[in-house]
Amino acid sequence: MEKLSQGLKWLGRKSGILLRIFGLSLIYGIPDLVLEVSKSPLSFVISGLIAIGLVIFFWRWAEKNAIKIWDRRFLTWKGLCLVVLTFSVAQLFKVFGHYVMDLQGIEDTANQLTLNKTLESIPFWLAFINMACLAAISEEVIIRGCLFNNLFEKYKILGIVVTGLIFAALHTPTNLGSWIVYASPGFLLGYLYYKTDYLIYPIAVHFINNAWSVLAFYYFQ
């Protein structure tokens, strides 16, 4: 009976974690829901203000739930080099993934084509807030901070693999090349978090990647 009771408690804790992750994911999508209703200047402002509020919310939520974000060593040469190295390796895998898609005759990932349509209909400042700032912080808090931390306490390597695949799946890969494009940074960000124990490192890499994509779309096409 004691083992059964402990098992039920464990299951209850894990179920509670999954429910929290689901709730956080719904909250994260609010700015996009606003834009689905309307693409007016007023909806842009509302979506942007909600996104800024959510950036603050996710940051504070993580801190209140003992998820460490800021590391004072982040701004040292070692910390910055970790970010630059991880970003660079992720870009190499991204190039390889696109090469595989080229061999398959595929123009781009389905996720990127969808994002491009969204970017065409919203101003740069809103894309920067929603897709660079909010996405980087919220996705890392949900996937690395909450999911990885709470479900894989004793199985870190398995956690890196599983959360990396979940990260990729959330970007709707439809072929081998797009799986490489999205799963590789998922694994790298998970490993970076595992080695540093602070979310600021994967958040920084994630932010740089998304910010560069937004800048490239608006100014370098």
N, C-alpha and C. Protein backbone atom coordinates (compact mmCIF):
# COMPACT_ATOMS: atom_id res chain seq x y z
N MET A 1 0.82 -1.21 0.00
CA MET A 1 0.00 0.00 0.00
C MET A 1 0.85 1.27 0.00
N GLU A 2 1.97 1.19 0.73
CA GLU A 2 2.84 2.36 0.80
C GLU A 2 3.44 2.69 -0.56
N LYS A 3 3.86 1.63 -1.29
CA LYS A 3 4.42 1.86 -2.63
C LYS A 3 3.36 2.40 -3.57
N LEU A 4 2.13 1.92 -3.44
CA LEU A 4 1.03 2.40 -4.26
C LEU A 4 0.76 3.86 -3.97
N SER A 5 0.77 4.21 -2.69
CA SER A 5 0.54 5.60 -2.29
C SER A 5 1.63 6.52 -2.84
N GLN A 6 2.89 6.07 -2.75
CA GLN A 6 4.00 6.86 -3.27
C GLN A 6 3.91 7.02 -4.79
N GLY A 7 3.49 5.92 -5.44
CA GLY A 7 3.33 5.97 -6.89
C GLY A 7 2.25 6.94 -7.32
N LEU A 8 1.15 6.97 -6.58
CA LEU A 8 0.06 7.89 -6.89
C LEU A 8 0.47 9.34 -6.66
N LYS A 9 1.24 9.55 -5.59
CA LYS A 9 1.74 10.91 -5.33
C LYS A 9 2.67 11.36 -6.45
N TRP A 10 3.56 10.45 -6.88
CA TRP A 10 4.49 10.76 -7.98
C TRP A 10 3.72 11.10 -9.25
N LEU A 11 2.71 10.27 -9.54
CA LEU A 11 1.89 10.50 -10.73
C LEU A 11 1.14 11.82 -10.63
N GLY A 12 0.66 12.13 -9.45
CA GLY A 12 -0.05 13.40 -9.25
C GLY A 12 0.86 14.59 -9.47
N ARG A 13 2.10 14.50 -8.96
CA ARG A 13 3.06 15.60 -9.14
C ARG A 13 3.39 15.79 -10.62
N LYS A 14 3.64 14.70 -11.31
CA LYS A 14 4.00 14.79 -12.72
C LYS A 14 2.82 15.30 -13.56
N SER A 15 1.61 14.87 -13.22
CA SER A 15 0.42 15.34 -13.93
C SER A 15 0.23 16.83 -13.71
N GLY A 16 0.51 17.28 -12.48
CA GLY A 16 0.41 18.71 -12.18
C GLY A 16 1.40 19.52 -13.00
N ILE A 17 2.60 18.99 -13.17
CA ILE A 17 3.62 19.67 -13.98
C ILE A 17 3.16 19.79 -15.43
N LEU A 18 2.62 18.70 -15.97
CA LEU A 18 2.14 18.72 -17.36
C LEU A 18 1.00 19.71 -17.54
N LEU A 19 0.13 19.81 -16.54
CA LEU A 19 -0.97 20.77 -16.61
C LEU A 19 -0.44 22.20 -16.59
N ARG A 20 0.58 22.44 -15.78
CA ARG A 20 1.19 23.77 -15.75
C ARG A 20 1.83 24.12 -17.10
N ILE A 21 2.50 23.14 -17.68
CA ILE A 21 3.12 23.37 -18.98
C ILE A 21 2.06 23.69 -20.03
N PHE A 22 0.96 22.95 -19.99
CA PHE A 22 -0.14 23.20 -20.93
C PHE A 22 -0.71 24.60 -20.73
N GLY A 23 -0.90 24.99 -19.47
CA GLY A 23 -1.42 26.33 -19.19
C GLY A 23 -0.48 27.43 -19.65
N LEU A 24 0.82 27.25 -19.40
CA LEU A 24 1.80 28.24 -19.84
C LEU A 24 1.83 28.34 -21.36
N SER A 25 1.66 27.21 -22.04
CA SER A 25 1.66 27.21 -23.50
C SER A 25 0.46 27.99 -24.04
N LEU A 26 -0.68 27.86 -23.38
CA LEU A 26 -1.87 28.61 -23.80
C LEU A 26 -1.66 30.11 -23.61
N ILE A 27 -1.07 30.48 -22.47
CA ILE A 27 -0.80 31.89 -22.20
C ILE A 27 0.15 32.47 -23.24
N TYR A 28 1.17 31.70 -23.59
CA TYR A 28 2.17 32.13 -24.57
C TYR A 28 1.53 32.47 -25.92
N GLY A 29 0.43 31.81 -26.26
CA GLY A 29 -0.20 32.02 -27.57
C GLY A 29 -1.16 33.18 -27.64
N ILE A 30 -1.37 33.91 -26.54
CA ILE A 30 -2.36 34.99 -26.53
C ILE A 30 -2.05 36.09 -27.57
N PRO A 31 -0.80 36.58 -27.67
CA PRO A 31 -0.54 37.62 -28.67
C PRO A 31 -0.87 37.19 -30.10
N ASP A 32 -0.63 35.92 -30.43
CA ASP A 32 -0.97 35.42 -31.76
C ASP A 32 -2.47 35.35 -31.97
N LEU A 33 -3.21 35.02 -30.92
CA LEU A 33 -4.67 34.99 -31.03
C LEU A 33 -5.23 36.38 -31.33
N VAL A 34 -4.63 37.38 -30.72
CA VAL A 34 -5.05 38.77 -31.00
C VAL A 34 -4.86 39.10 -32.47
N LEU A 35 -3.72 38.69 -33.02
CA LEU A 35 -3.43 38.97 -34.43
C LEU A 35 -4.30 38.16 -35.38
N GLU A 36 -4.77 37.00 -34.93
CA GLU A 36 -5.67 36.21 -35.77
C GLU A 36 -7.04 36.88 -35.89
N VAL A 37 -7.43 37.60 -34.86
CA VAL A 37 -8.72 38.30 -34.87
C VAL A 37 -8.66 39.51 -35.79
N SER A 38 -7.54 40.24 -35.72
CA SER A 38 -7.43 41.47 -36.51
C SER A 38 -5.98 41.80 -36.77
N LYS A 39 -5.72 42.44 -37.92
CA LYS A 39 -4.39 42.92 -38.26
C LYS A 39 -4.39 44.45 -38.34
N SER A 40 -5.21 45.08 -37.51
CA SER A 40 -5.30 46.54 -37.49
C SER A 40 -4.17 47.12 -36.65
N PRO A 41 -3.87 48.42 -36.81
CA PRO A 41 -2.84 49.05 -35.98
C PRO A 41 -3.11 48.90 -34.48
N LEU A 42 -4.40 48.96 -34.10
CA LEU A 42 -4.74 48.82 -32.69
C LEU A 42 -4.41 47.41 -32.19
N SER A 43 -4.69 46.40 -33.01
CA SER A 43 -4.38 45.02 -32.60
C SER A 43 -2.87 44.80 -32.50
N PHE A 44 -2.10 45.51 -33.34
CA PHE A 44 -0.65 45.43 -33.24
C PHE A 44 -0.18 45.92 -31.87
N VAL A 45 -0.73 47.06 -31.46
CA VAL A 45 -0.35 47.65 -30.16
C VAL A 45 -0.76 46.73 -29.02
N ILE A 46 -1.99 46.20 -29.08
CA ILE A 46 -2.48 45.32 -28.02
C ILE A 46 -1.62 44.05 -27.94
N SER A 47 -1.34 43.45 -29.10
CA SER A 47 -0.52 42.24 -29.13
C SER A 47 0.87 42.52 -28.56
N GLY A 48 1.46 43.64 -28.94
CA GLY A 48 2.79 43.99 -28.46
C GLY A 48 2.83 44.21 -26.96
N LEU A 49 1.81 44.91 -26.43
CA LEU A 49 1.76 45.17 -24.99
C LEU A 49 1.57 43.87 -24.21
N ILE A 50 0.71 42.99 -24.74
CA ILE A 50 0.52 41.69 -24.09
C ILE A 50 1.83 40.89 -24.09
N ALA A 51 2.54 40.93 -25.23
CA ALA A 51 3.81 40.19 -25.33
C ALA A 51 4.83 40.70 -24.33
N ILE A 52 4.93 42.02 -24.17
CA ILE A 52 5.86 42.59 -23.19
C ILE A 52 5.47 42.15 -21.78
N GLY A 53 4.16 42.18 -21.50
CA GLY A 53 3.69 41.72 -20.20
C GLY A 53 4.02 40.26 -19.96
N LEU A 54 3.92 39.44 -21.02
CA LEU A 54 4.22 38.02 -20.88
C LEU A 54 5.71 37.75 -20.68
N VAL A 55 6.55 38.57 -21.30
CA VAL A 55 8.00 38.45 -21.07
C VAL A 55 8.29 38.61 -19.58
N ILE A 56 7.69 39.63 -18.98
CA ILE A 56 7.88 39.87 -17.54
C ILE A 56 7.27 38.73 -16.72
N PHE A 57 6.07 38.29 -17.14
CA PHE A 57 5.39 37.21 -16.43
C PHE A 57 6.22 35.93 -16.41
N PHE A 58 6.71 35.51 -17.58
CA PHE A 58 7.48 34.26 -17.66
C PHE A 58 8.78 34.35 -16.86
N TRP A 59 9.42 35.50 -16.91
CA TRP A 59 10.66 35.67 -16.16
C TRP A 59 10.40 35.54 -14.66
N ARG A 60 9.37 36.25 -14.18
CA ARG A 60 9.07 36.22 -12.75
C ARG A 60 8.51 34.87 -12.32
N TRP A 61 7.73 34.25 -13.20
CA TRP A 61 7.19 32.93 -12.87
C TRP A 61 8.32 31.93 -12.68
N ALA A 62 9.31 31.98 -13.54
CA ALA A 62 10.46 31.07 -13.42
C ALA A 62 11.19 31.30 -12.11
N GLU A 63 11.44 32.55 -11.77
CA GLU A 63 12.15 32.84 -10.53
C GLU A 63 11.38 32.38 -9.31
N LYS A 64 10.05 32.55 -9.33
CA LYS A 64 9.22 32.13 -8.19
C LYS A 64 9.17 30.62 -8.06
N ASN A 65 9.42 29.92 -9.15
CA ASN A 65 9.39 28.46 -9.13
C ASN A 65 10.79 27.85 -9.08
N ALA A 66 11.73 28.63 -8.57
CA ALA A 66 13.11 28.17 -8.33
C ALA A 66 13.82 27.72 -9.61
N ILE A 67 13.45 28.32 -10.74
CA ILE A 67 14.15 28.07 -11.99
C ILE A 67 15.16 29.21 -12.16
N LYS A 68 16.41 28.88 -12.09
CA LYS A 68 17.45 29.92 -12.13
C LYS A 68 17.62 30.46 -13.55
N ILE A 69 17.56 31.77 -13.68
CA ILE A 69 17.70 32.40 -15.00
C ILE A 69 19.04 33.12 -15.12
N TRP A 70 19.24 34.13 -14.30
CA TRP A 70 20.41 34.99 -14.47
C TRP A 70 21.64 34.43 -13.77
N ASP A 71 22.74 34.43 -14.48
CA ASP A 71 24.03 34.02 -13.95
C ASP A 71 25.00 35.18 -14.12
N ARG A 72 25.63 35.61 -13.02
CA ARG A 72 26.54 36.77 -13.10
C ARG A 72 27.73 36.49 -14.00
N ARG A 73 28.03 35.20 -14.26
CA ARG A 73 29.15 34.86 -15.13
C ARG A 73 28.78 34.95 -16.61
N PHE A 74 27.51 35.22 -16.88
CA PHE A 74 27.05 35.28 -18.26
C PHE A 74 27.80 36.34 -19.07
N LEU A 75 28.10 37.48 -18.45
CA LEU A 75 28.74 38.58 -19.15
C LEU A 75 30.27 38.49 -19.13
N THR A 76 30.82 37.37 -18.70
CA THR A 76 32.26 37.16 -18.79
C THR A 76 32.59 36.61 -20.19
N TRP A 77 33.88 36.58 -20.51
CA TRP A 77 34.29 36.05 -21.81
C TRP A 77 33.86 34.60 -21.98
N LYS A 78 33.98 33.84 -20.90
CA LYS A 78 33.60 32.43 -20.96
C LYS A 78 32.11 32.27 -21.24
N GLY A 79 31.30 33.07 -20.55
CA GLY A 79 29.86 32.99 -20.74
C GLY A 79 29.45 33.39 -22.15
N LEU A 80 30.01 34.47 -22.64
CA LEU A 80 29.67 34.94 -23.98
C LEU A 80 30.17 33.97 -25.05
N CYS A 81 31.33 33.38 -24.81
CA CYS A 81 31.86 32.41 -25.77
C CYS A 81 30.97 31.16 -25.85
N LEU A 82 30.41 30.75 -24.70
CA LEU A 82 29.48 29.62 -24.71
C LEU A 82 28.27 29.90 -25.60
N VAL A 83 27.76 31.11 -25.48
CA VAL A 83 26.59 31.52 -26.29
C VAL A 83 26.96 31.55 -27.77
N VAL A 84 28.07 32.19 -28.09
CA VAL A 84 28.49 32.32 -29.49
C VAL A 84 28.79 30.94 -30.09
N LEU A 85 29.47 30.09 -29.34
CA LEU A 85 29.82 28.75 -29.84
C LEU A 85 28.55 27.93 -30.09
N THR A 86 27.61 27.95 -29.16
CA THR A 86 26.37 27.19 -29.33
C THR A 86 25.58 27.71 -30.52
N PHE A 87 25.49 29.02 -30.65
CA PHE A 87 24.78 29.61 -31.79
C PHE A 87 25.44 29.21 -33.10
N SER A 88 26.75 29.24 -33.13
CA SER A 88 27.49 28.91 -34.36
C SER A 88 27.27 27.46 -34.76
N VAL A 89 27.34 26.55 -33.79
CA VAL A 89 27.13 25.13 -34.09
C VAL A 89 25.70 24.90 -34.57
N ALA A 90 24.75 25.58 -33.94
CA ALA A 90 23.35 25.46 -34.35
C ALA A 90 23.16 25.93 -35.79
N GLN A 91 23.87 26.99 -36.17
CA GLN A 91 23.76 27.49 -37.54
C GLN A 91 24.34 26.48 -38.54
N LEU A 92 25.40 25.80 -38.15
CA LEU A 92 25.97 24.78 -39.04
C LEU A 92 24.97 23.65 -39.29
N PHE A 93 24.30 23.22 -38.22
CA PHE A 93 23.28 22.18 -38.38
C PHE A 93 22.10 22.70 -39.21
N LYS A 94 21.78 23.98 -39.04
CA LYS A 94 20.70 24.58 -39.81
C LYS A 94 21.04 24.57 -41.30
N VAL A 95 22.28 24.92 -41.63
CA VAL A 95 22.73 24.89 -43.02
C VAL A 95 22.66 23.47 -43.57
N PHE A 96 23.07 22.51 -42.76
CA PHE A 96 23.02 21.11 -43.18
C PHE A 96 21.58 20.67 -43.42
N GLY A 97 20.68 21.08 -42.53
CA GLY A 97 19.27 20.74 -42.70
C GLY A 97 18.68 21.32 -43.97
N HIS A 98 19.04 22.55 -44.28
CA HIS A 98 18.56 23.17 -45.52
C HIS A 98 19.18 22.50 -46.75
N TYR A 99 20.41 22.04 -46.60
CA TYR A 99 21.05 21.30 -47.70
C TYR A 99 20.28 20.01 -47.99
N VAL A 100 19.87 19.32 -46.93
CA VAL A 100 19.07 18.10 -47.10
C VAL A 100 17.75 18.42 -47.77
N MET A 101 17.13 19.54 -47.36
CA MET A 101 15.86 19.93 -48.00
C MET A 101 16.06 20.28 -49.47
N ASP A 102 17.17 20.92 -49.78
CA ASP A 102 17.47 21.22 -51.19
C ASP A 102 17.56 19.95 -52.03
N LEU A 103 18.19 18.93 -51.44
CA LEU A 103 18.29 17.65 -52.15
C LEU A 103 16.92 17.03 -52.38
N GLN A 104 15.99 17.32 -51.48
CA GLN A 104 14.63 16.81 -51.60
C GLN A 104 13.74 17.72 -52.45
N GLY A 105 14.29 18.85 -52.90
CA GLY A 105 13.51 19.78 -53.68
C GLY A 105 12.52 20.59 -52.87
N ILE A 106 12.83 20.80 -51.59
CA ILE A 106 11.94 21.53 -50.69
C ILE A 106 12.49 22.93 -50.48
N GLU A 107 11.63 23.93 -50.63
CA GLU A 107 12.06 25.33 -50.57
C GLU A 107 12.50 25.73 -49.16
N ASP A 108 11.66 25.47 -48.17
CA ASP A 108 11.94 25.87 -46.80
C ASP A 108 11.07 25.04 -45.86
N THR A 109 11.29 25.19 -44.56
CA THR A 109 10.46 24.45 -43.61
C THR A 109 9.04 25.01 -43.63
N ALA A 110 8.08 24.15 -43.32
CA ALA A 110 6.68 24.60 -43.28
C ALA A 110 6.50 25.68 -42.23
N ASN A 111 7.20 25.55 -41.11
CA ASN A 111 7.11 26.55 -40.05
C ASN A 111 7.61 27.92 -40.52
N GLN A 112 8.73 27.93 -41.24
CA GLN A 112 9.28 29.21 -41.70
C GLN A 112 8.39 29.85 -42.75
N LEU A 113 7.80 29.06 -43.63
CA LEU A 113 6.89 29.60 -44.64
C LEU A 113 5.66 30.24 -43.98
N THR A 114 5.18 29.60 -42.92
CA THR A 114 4.05 30.17 -42.18
C THR A 114 4.45 31.46 -41.48
N LEU A 115 5.64 31.45 -40.88
CA LEU A 115 6.13 32.66 -40.22
C LEU A 115 6.32 33.80 -41.21
N ASN A 116 6.79 33.49 -42.40
CA ASN A 116 6.99 34.52 -43.41
C ASN A 116 5.68 35.23 -43.76
N LYS A 117 4.60 34.45 -43.84
CA LYS A 117 3.29 35.05 -44.12
C LYS A 117 2.87 35.98 -42.99
N THR A 118 3.18 35.57 -41.76
CA THR A 118 2.86 36.43 -40.61
C THR A 118 3.71 37.69 -40.63
N LEU A 119 4.99 37.53 -40.92
CA LEU A 119 5.90 38.68 -40.95
C LEU A 119 5.50 39.69 -42.02
N GLU A 120 4.94 39.21 -43.11
CA GLU A 120 4.50 40.11 -44.18
C GLU A 120 3.34 41.00 -43.75
N SER A 121 2.63 40.59 -42.71
CA SER A 121 1.41 41.31 -42.34
C SER A 121 1.54 42.12 -41.05
N ILE A 122 2.73 42.09 -40.40
CA ILE A 122 2.91 42.84 -39.16
C ILE A 122 4.17 43.69 -39.25
N PRO A 123 4.24 44.77 -38.47
CA PRO A 123 5.44 45.62 -38.51
C PRO A 123 6.63 44.98 -37.83
N PHE A 124 7.81 45.49 -38.16
CA PHE A 124 9.05 44.93 -37.63
C PHE A 124 9.09 44.92 -36.11
N TRP A 125 8.70 46.04 -35.49
CA TRP A 125 8.82 46.13 -34.03
C TRP A 125 7.99 45.06 -33.32
N LEU A 126 6.82 44.76 -33.88
CA LEU A 126 5.96 43.74 -33.27
C LEU A 126 6.56 42.34 -33.47
N ALA A 127 7.10 42.08 -34.66
CA ALA A 127 7.74 40.80 -34.91
C ALA A 127 8.93 40.60 -33.98
N PHE A 128 9.68 41.66 -33.73
CA PHE A 128 10.85 41.57 -32.86
C PHE A 128 10.43 41.23 -31.42
N ILE A 129 9.36 41.87 -30.95
CA ILE A 129 8.89 41.61 -29.58
C ILE A 129 8.31 40.20 -29.46
N ASN A 130 7.43 39.85 -30.40
CA ASN A 130 6.72 38.57 -30.31
C ASN A 130 7.60 37.36 -30.63
N MET A 131 8.38 37.47 -31.70
CA MET A 131 9.10 36.30 -32.20
C MET A 131 10.52 36.18 -31.70
N ALA A 132 11.10 37.31 -31.31
CA ALA A 132 12.47 37.24 -30.79
C ALA A 132 12.48 37.24 -29.26
N CYS A 133 11.87 38.25 -28.67
CA CYS A 133 11.92 38.38 -27.21
C CYS A 133 11.02 37.37 -26.50
N LEU A 134 9.72 37.40 -26.81
CA LEU A 134 8.77 36.53 -26.11
C LEU A 134 9.05 35.05 -26.38
N ALA A 135 9.27 34.70 -27.64
CA ALA A 135 9.50 33.29 -27.98
C ALA A 135 10.72 32.74 -27.27
N ALA A 136 11.80 33.50 -27.25
CA ALA A 136 13.04 33.02 -26.63
C ALA A 136 12.85 32.76 -25.14
N ILE A 137 12.21 33.69 -24.45
CA ILE A 137 12.07 33.54 -23.00
C ILE A 137 11.01 32.49 -22.65
N SER A 138 9.84 32.59 -23.27
CA SER A 138 8.74 31.68 -22.89
C SER A 138 9.04 30.23 -23.25
N GLU A 139 9.56 29.99 -24.45
CA GLU A 139 9.85 28.61 -24.85
C GLU A 139 10.93 27.98 -23.99
N GLU A 140 11.92 28.78 -23.61
CA GLU A 140 12.98 28.22 -22.76
C GLU A 140 12.47 27.96 -21.34
N VAL A 141 11.64 28.85 -20.82
CA VAL A 141 11.06 28.63 -19.49
C VAL A 141 10.19 27.37 -19.49
N ILE A 142 9.37 27.22 -20.53
CA ILE A 142 8.45 26.07 -20.60
C ILE A 142 9.20 24.77 -20.85
N ILE A 143 10.04 24.75 -21.88
CA ILE A 143 10.66 23.48 -22.30
C ILE A 143 11.87 23.12 -21.45
N ARG A 144 12.80 24.05 -21.30
CA ARG A 144 14.00 23.74 -20.54
C ARG A 144 13.75 23.92 -19.03
N GLY A 145 13.18 25.05 -18.65
CA GLY A 145 13.02 25.34 -17.23
C GLY A 145 12.02 24.45 -16.54
N CYS A 146 10.83 24.30 -17.12
CA CYS A 146 9.76 23.54 -16.47
C CYS A 146 9.79 22.06 -16.83
N LEU A 147 9.74 21.75 -18.10
CA LEU A 147 9.67 20.36 -18.54
C LEU A 147 10.95 19.59 -18.20
N PHE A 148 12.09 20.09 -18.62
CA PHE A 148 13.37 19.41 -18.39
C PHE A 148 13.67 19.29 -16.89
N ASN A 149 13.49 20.38 -16.18
CA ASN A 149 13.82 20.41 -14.76
C ASN A 149 12.97 19.46 -13.93
N ASN A 150 11.68 19.41 -14.23
CA ASN A 150 10.74 18.73 -13.36
C ASN A 150 10.43 17.29 -13.75
N LEU A 151 10.66 16.92 -14.99
CA LEU A 151 10.35 15.56 -15.41
C LEU A 151 11.59 14.69 -15.59
N PHE A 152 12.76 15.31 -15.64
CA PHE A 152 13.97 14.53 -15.91
C PHE A 152 15.07 14.86 -14.90
N GLU A 153 14.69 14.95 -13.62
CA GLU A 153 15.68 15.30 -12.60
C GLU A 153 16.83 14.30 -12.54
N LYS A 154 16.52 13.01 -12.71
CA LYS A 154 17.53 11.96 -12.57
C LYS A 154 18.03 11.42 -13.92
N TYR A 155 17.42 11.89 -14.99
CA TYR A 155 17.76 11.34 -16.32
C TYR A 155 18.04 12.51 -17.29
N LYS A 156 19.11 13.21 -17.04
CA LYS A 156 19.39 14.45 -17.76
C LYS A 156 19.61 14.23 -19.27
N ILE A 157 20.36 13.20 -19.62
CA ILE A 157 20.63 12.95 -21.04
C ILE A 157 19.33 12.61 -21.77
N LEU A 158 18.52 11.76 -21.14
CA LEU A 158 17.20 11.46 -21.72
C LEU A 158 16.38 12.73 -21.84
N GLY A 159 16.46 13.60 -20.84
CA GLY A 159 15.73 14.86 -20.87
C GLY A 159 16.16 15.74 -22.02
N ILE A 160 17.47 15.78 -22.30
CA ILE A 160 17.97 16.57 -23.43
C ILE A 160 17.39 16.06 -24.73
N VAL A 161 17.36 14.73 -24.88
CA VAL A 161 16.84 14.12 -26.12
C VAL A 161 15.35 14.38 -26.26
N VAL A 162 14.59 14.09 -25.20
CA VAL A 162 13.13 14.21 -25.27
C VAL A 162 12.71 15.67 -25.47
N THR A 163 13.27 16.59 -24.68
CA THR A 163 12.88 17.99 -24.82
C THR A 163 13.35 18.56 -26.17
N GLY A 164 14.48 18.05 -26.67
CA GLY A 164 14.93 18.48 -28.00
C GLY A 164 13.95 18.07 -29.08
N LEU A 165 13.43 16.85 -28.97
CA LEU A 165 12.45 16.36 -29.95
C LEU A 165 11.12 17.09 -29.81
N ILE A 166 10.73 17.40 -28.57
CA ILE A 166 9.50 18.17 -28.36
C ILE A 166 9.66 19.57 -28.94
N PHE A 167 10.82 20.18 -28.70
CA PHE A 167 11.11 21.51 -29.26
C PHE A 167 10.98 21.48 -30.78
N ALA A 168 11.52 20.43 -31.40
CA ALA A 168 11.42 20.31 -32.85
C ALA A 168 9.97 20.11 -33.28
N ALA A 169 9.24 19.24 -32.58
CA ALA A 169 7.85 18.95 -32.95
C ALA A 169 6.98 20.19 -32.88
N LEU A 170 7.27 21.09 -31.93
CA LEU A 170 6.49 22.32 -31.81
C LEU A 170 6.66 23.23 -33.02
N HIS A 171 7.72 23.01 -33.79
CA HIS A 171 7.96 23.81 -34.99
C HIS A 171 7.48 23.08 -36.25
N THR A 172 6.64 22.08 -36.06
CA THR A 172 5.96 21.35 -37.14
C THR A 172 6.88 20.92 -38.29
N PRO A 173 7.91 20.13 -38.01
CA PRO A 173 8.75 19.63 -39.10
C PRO A 173 7.98 18.63 -39.95
N THR A 174 8.20 18.67 -41.26
CA THR A 174 7.44 17.79 -42.17
C THR A 174 8.35 16.90 -43.01
N ASN A 175 9.65 16.99 -42.80
CA ASN A 175 10.59 16.17 -43.57
C ASN A 175 11.90 16.07 -42.78
N LEU A 176 12.82 15.24 -43.29
CA LEU A 176 14.07 15.00 -42.58
C LEU A 176 14.86 16.29 -42.38
N GLY A 177 14.94 17.10 -43.43
CA GLY A 177 15.71 18.35 -43.33
C GLY A 177 15.18 19.28 -42.26
N SER A 178 13.86 19.42 -42.17
CA SER A 178 13.29 20.33 -41.17
C SER A 178 13.45 19.75 -39.76
N TRP A 179 13.46 18.42 -39.64
CA TRP A 179 13.74 17.83 -38.33
C TRP A 179 15.16 18.18 -37.89
N ILE A 180 16.10 18.15 -38.83
CA ILE A 180 17.48 18.52 -38.50
C ILE A 180 17.56 19.99 -38.10
N VAL A 181 16.85 20.84 -38.84
CA VAL A 181 16.87 22.28 -38.57
C VAL A 181 16.39 22.60 -37.17
N TYR A 182 15.35 21.90 -36.71
CA TYR A 182 14.75 22.25 -35.41
C TYR A 182 15.18 21.35 -34.26
N ALA A 183 15.48 20.09 -34.53
CA ALA A 183 15.89 19.21 -33.43
C ALA A 183 17.31 19.52 -32.96
N SER A 184 18.20 19.85 -33.89
CA SER A 184 19.59 20.10 -33.50
C SER A 184 19.72 21.26 -32.50
N PRO A 185 19.07 22.43 -32.74
CA PRO A 185 19.16 23.46 -31.71
C PRO A 185 18.46 23.05 -30.42
N GLY A 186 17.41 22.23 -30.53
CA GLY A 186 16.74 21.73 -29.33
C GLY A 186 17.70 20.93 -28.46
N PHE A 187 18.48 20.04 -29.08
CA PHE A 187 19.47 19.27 -28.32
C PHE A 187 20.57 20.17 -27.76
N LEU A 188 21.04 21.11 -28.58
CA LEU A 188 22.12 21.99 -28.16
C LEU A 188 21.70 22.90 -27.00
N LEU A 189 20.49 23.44 -27.08
CA LEU A 189 20.01 24.31 -26.00
C LEU A 189 19.79 23.52 -24.72
N GLY A 190 19.31 22.28 -24.86
CA GLY A 190 19.15 21.44 -23.69
C GLY A 190 20.49 21.12 -23.04
N TYR A 191 21.48 20.81 -23.86
CA TYR A 191 22.80 20.51 -23.33
C TYR A 191 23.43 21.75 -22.68
N LEU A 192 23.23 22.90 -23.30
CA LEU A 192 23.76 24.14 -22.75
C LEU A 192 23.16 24.42 -21.38
N TYR A 193 21.86 24.20 -21.25
CA TYR A 193 21.21 24.42 -19.96
C TYR A 193 21.71 23.39 -18.93
N TYR A 194 21.86 22.16 -19.37
CA TYR A 194 22.36 21.11 -18.48
C TYR A 194 23.76 21.44 -17.95
N LYS A 195 24.62 21.99 -18.78
CA LYS A 195 25.99 22.29 -18.38
C LYS A 195 26.10 23.56 -17.51
N THR A 196 25.21 24.52 -17.74
CA THR A 196 25.33 25.79 -17.03
C THR A 196 24.38 25.91 -15.84
N ASP A 197 23.22 25.25 -15.93
CA ASP A 197 22.19 25.29 -14.89
C ASP A 197 21.50 26.65 -14.80
N TYR A 198 21.69 27.49 -15.81
CA TYR A 198 21.02 28.79 -15.84
C TYR A 198 20.35 28.99 -17.21
N LEU A 199 19.12 29.50 -17.18
CA LEU A 199 18.36 29.65 -18.42
C LEU A 199 18.84 30.79 -19.31
N ILE A 200 19.60 31.72 -18.74
CA ILE A 200 20.02 32.88 -19.53
C ILE A 200 20.84 32.47 -20.75
N TYR A 201 21.56 31.36 -20.67
CA TYR A 201 22.40 30.92 -21.79
C TYR A 201 21.54 30.42 -22.98
N PRO A 202 20.65 29.45 -22.78
CA PRO A 202 19.79 29.07 -23.92
C PRO A 202 18.86 30.19 -24.36
N ILE A 203 18.41 31.04 -23.43
CA ILE A 203 17.58 32.17 -23.83
C ILE A 203 18.36 33.08 -24.78
N ALA A 204 19.61 33.35 -24.45
CA ALA A 204 20.43 34.24 -25.29
C ALA A 204 20.63 33.66 -26.68
N VAL A 205 20.95 32.37 -26.76
CA VAL A 205 21.15 31.72 -28.07
C VAL A 205 19.84 31.74 -28.87
N HIS A 206 18.76 31.41 -28.20
CA HIS A 206 17.43 31.38 -28.84
C HIS A 206 17.07 32.77 -29.35
N PHE A 207 17.33 33.80 -28.52
CA PHE A 207 17.02 35.18 -28.90
C PHE A 207 17.83 35.61 -30.11
N ILE A 208 19.12 35.34 -30.10
CA ILE A 208 19.98 35.74 -31.22
C ILE A 208 19.50 35.10 -32.52
N ASN A 209 19.16 33.81 -32.45
CA ASN A 209 18.69 33.10 -33.64
C ASN A 209 17.40 33.72 -34.18
N ASN A 210 16.43 33.95 -33.30
CA ASN A 210 15.15 34.49 -33.75
C ASN A 210 15.27 35.94 -34.19
N ALA A 211 16.06 36.72 -33.45
CA ALA A 211 16.24 38.12 -33.82
C ALA A 211 16.90 38.24 -35.18
N TRP A 212 17.90 37.41 -35.44
CA TRP A 212 18.56 37.43 -36.74
C TRP A 212 17.60 37.08 -37.87
N SER A 213 16.72 36.10 -37.62
CA SER A 213 15.74 35.70 -38.63
C SER A 213 14.78 36.85 -38.95
N VAL A 214 14.35 37.55 -37.91
CA VAL A 214 13.44 38.69 -38.11
C VAL A 214 14.15 39.81 -38.87
N LEU A 215 15.36 40.13 -38.45
CA LEU A 215 16.14 41.18 -39.14
C LEU A 215 16.39 40.82 -40.59
N ALA A 216 16.73 39.57 -40.83
CA ALA A 216 17.02 39.11 -42.20
C ALA A 216 15.78 39.24 -43.09
N PHE A 217 14.61 38.94 -42.55
CA PHE A 217 13.39 39.00 -43.34
C PHE A 217 13.07 40.45 -43.73
N TYR A 218 13.21 41.36 -42.81
CA TYR A 218 12.80 42.76 -43.08
C TYR A 218 13.87 43.58 -43.79
N TYR A 219 15.15 43.25 -43.56
CA TYR A 219 16.18 44.16 -44.05
C TYR A 219 17.22 43.52 -44.98
N PHE A 220 17.28 42.20 -45.09
CA PHE A 220 18.33 41.59 -45.88
C PHE A 220 17.81 40.68 -47.00
N GLN A 221 16.55 40.84 -47.35
CA GLN A 221 16.02 40.03 -48.45
C GLN A 221 16.24 40.74 -49.78
